[in-house]
Amino acid sequence: MQNDHFQPESTLDPSDLRRLRAHLNQIDAATFEANRTALAKTVGRVDARSFQKLALCTAVARAQWVSAALEMSNKPHPLSPAEISRLSALRVEYLELKEAYEAMRRMVERGYICFLDKAQTNLTPNT
């Protein structure tokens, strides 16, 4: 897994290094709580079905983008500005959905949002 945290220089005095690490831990804890609070309000809880729906939407967008490119490549002339614009819009749609999927996955990995598996959802009482 990629480490995207600051790594302090090893030339620091050990007590300064401990103090710096303590500050960085406080920053990480504050960031974690900020993410959990904000995402709980906006995204809420997700389950396998949430991922499946977003994955399907992403796959359809990719298929539309590639299908349009293949269709355009069958024409014996260079692509028009309108065709290029359409192809670009389809690609952007796919890439945005792909990034959203990956972001949601990272949110679960980092504990920012709650992932409910089937066993957990079956344990919740009916209201």
Protein backbone atom coordinates (compact mmCIF):
# COMPACT_ATOMS: atom_id res chain seq x y z
CA MET A 1 0.00 0.00 0.00
CA GLN A 2 1.24 3.46 -0.84
CA ASN A 3 2.33 5.64 2.09
CA ASP A 4 1.23 9.21 1.45
CA HIS A 5 2.35 10.57 4.81
CA PHE A 6 5.27 12.89 5.44
CA GLN A 7 8.43 11.08 6.46
CA PRO A 8 10.56 13.28 8.76
CA GLU A 9 14.27 13.61 8.18
CA SER A 10 16.42 11.21 10.16
CA THR A 11 18.83 14.05 11.02
CA LEU A 12 16.46 15.37 13.69
CA ASP A 13 17.25 14.97 17.36
CA PRO A 14 15.38 11.92 18.77
CA SER A 15 13.25 14.06 21.11
CA ASP A 16 12.39 16.46 18.26
CA LEU A 17 11.58 13.47 16.08
CA ARG A 18 9.20 12.03 18.75
CA ARG A 19 7.53 15.42 19.14
CA LEU A 20 7.14 15.76 15.37
CA ARG A 21 5.68 12.26 15.09
CA ALA A 22 3.22 13.08 17.88
CA HIS A 23 2.09 16.20 16.01
CA LEU A 24 1.77 14.24 12.78
CA ASN A 25 -0.29 11.58 14.58
CA GLN A 26 -2.61 14.33 15.88
CA ILE A 27 -2.97 15.68 12.34
CA ASP A 28 -3.73 12.19 11.01
CA ALA A 29 -6.33 11.61 13.74
CA ALA A 30 -8.00 14.96 13.03
CA THR A 31 -8.03 14.23 9.30
CA PHE A 32 -9.49 10.77 9.91
CA GLU A 33 -12.30 12.18 12.06
CA ALA A 34 -13.02 14.97 9.58
CA ASN A 35 -13.32 12.43 6.76
CA ARG A 36 -15.52 10.08 8.80
CA THR A 37 -17.84 12.90 9.86
CA ALA A 38 -18.19 14.45 6.40
CA LEU A 39 -18.56 11.15 4.57
CA ALA A 40 -21.03 9.72 7.07
CA LYS A 41 -23.31 12.68 6.34
CA THR A 42 -22.96 12.56 2.56
CA VAL A 43 -22.19 8.96 1.58
CA GLY A 44 -23.44 7.06 4.60
CA ARG A 45 -23.07 3.29 4.71
CA VAL A 46 -22.31 1.19 1.65
CA ASP A 47 -22.65 -2.48 0.87
CA ALA A 48 -21.68 -4.85 -1.91
CA ARG A 49 -24.72 -3.73 -3.90
CA SER A 50 -23.50 -0.10 -3.76
CA PHE A 51 -20.19 -1.19 -5.23
CA GLN A 52 -21.89 -3.39 -7.81
CA LYS A 53 -24.13 -0.56 -9.02
CA LEU A 54 -21.23 1.87 -9.33
CA ALA A 55 -19.07 -0.78 -11.02
CA LEU A 56 -21.83 -1.53 -13.52
CA CYS A 57 -22.33 2.15 -14.27
CA THR A 58 -18.57 2.51 -14.79
CA ALA A 59 -18.43 -0.56 -17.05
CA VAL A 60 -21.30 0.75 -19.17
CA ALA A 61 -19.59 4.13 -19.53
CA ARG A 62 -16.35 2.43 -20.60
CA ALA A 63 -18.23 0.25 -23.08
CA GLN A 64 -20.00 3.28 -24.57
CA TRP A 65 -16.71 5.13 -24.93
CA VAL A 66 -14.94 2.20 -26.64
CA SER A 67 -17.99 1.38 -28.78
CA ALA A 68 -18.18 4.97 -30.00
CA ALA A 69 -14.47 4.93 -30.83
CA LEU A 70 -14.85 1.70 -32.79
CA GLU A 71 -17.86 3.07 -34.64
CA MET A 72 -16.00 6.26 -35.52
CA SER A 73 -12.96 4.31 -36.70
CA ASN A 74 -15.09 2.58 -39.34
CA LYS A 75 -15.45 5.85 -41.25
CA PRO A 76 -12.83 6.46 -43.98
CA HIS A 77 -12.20 10.07 -42.92
CA PRO A 78 -10.51 11.82 -40.01
CA LEU A 79 -12.71 12.45 -37.01
CA SER A 80 -14.60 15.71 -37.00
CA PRO A 81 -14.31 18.15 -34.10
CA ALA A 82 -17.82 17.10 -33.00
CA GLU A 83 -16.84 13.41 -33.01
CA ILE A 84 -13.69 14.13 -31.05
CA SER A 85 -15.71 16.17 -28.58
CA ARG A 86 -18.23 13.34 -28.14
CA LEU A 87 -15.48 10.77 -27.70
CA SER A 88 -13.74 13.01 -25.17
CA ALA A 89 -16.96 13.49 -23.20
CA LEU A 90 -17.53 9.72 -23.08
CA ARG A 91 -13.96 9.17 -21.90
CA VAL A 92 -14.29 11.80 -19.18
CA GLU A 93 -17.54 10.22 -18.01
CA TYR A 94 -15.87 6.82 -17.74
CA LEU A 95 -12.77 8.18 -15.98
CA GLU A 96 -14.84 10.15 -13.46
CA LEU A 97 -16.91 7.08 -12.58
CA LYS A 98 -13.75 4.98 -12.32
CA GLU A 99 -12.19 7.51 -9.95
CA ALA A 100 -15.38 7.62 -7.87
CA TYR A 101 -15.32 3.82 -7.56
CA GLU A 102 -11.67 3.84 -6.50
CA ALA A 103 -12.32 6.68 -4.05
CA MET A 104 -15.22 4.79 -2.47
CA ARG A 105 -13.02 1.71 -2.12
CA ARG A 106 -10.30 3.79 -0.41
CA MET A 107 -12.94 5.25 1.92
CA VAL A 108 -13.85 1.75 3.07
CA GLU A 109 -10.18 0.66 3.32
CA ARG A 110 -9.36 3.65 5.52
CA GLY A 111 -12.45 3.26 7.67
CA TYR A 112 -14.02 6.56 6.61
CA ILE A 113 -17.32 4.91 5.70
CA CYS A 114 -19.01 1.83 7.06
CA PHE A 115 -19.21 -1.21 4.80
CA LEU A 116 -22.13 -3.47 5.56
CA ASP A 117 -21.73 -7.05 4.48
CA LYS A 118 -24.71 -9.35 4.05
CA ALA A 119 -24.26 -10.87 7.52
CA GLN A 120 -24.36 -7.43 9.14
CA THR A 121 -27.48 -6.35 7.27
CA ASN A 122 -29.26 -9.56 8.32
CA LEU A 123 -28.52 -8.77 11.97
CA THR A 124 -30.31 -5.43 11.95
CA PRO A 125 -33.76 -5.63 13.52
CA ASN A 126 -36.80 -4.85 11.40
CA THR A 127 -38.51 -1.60 12.31
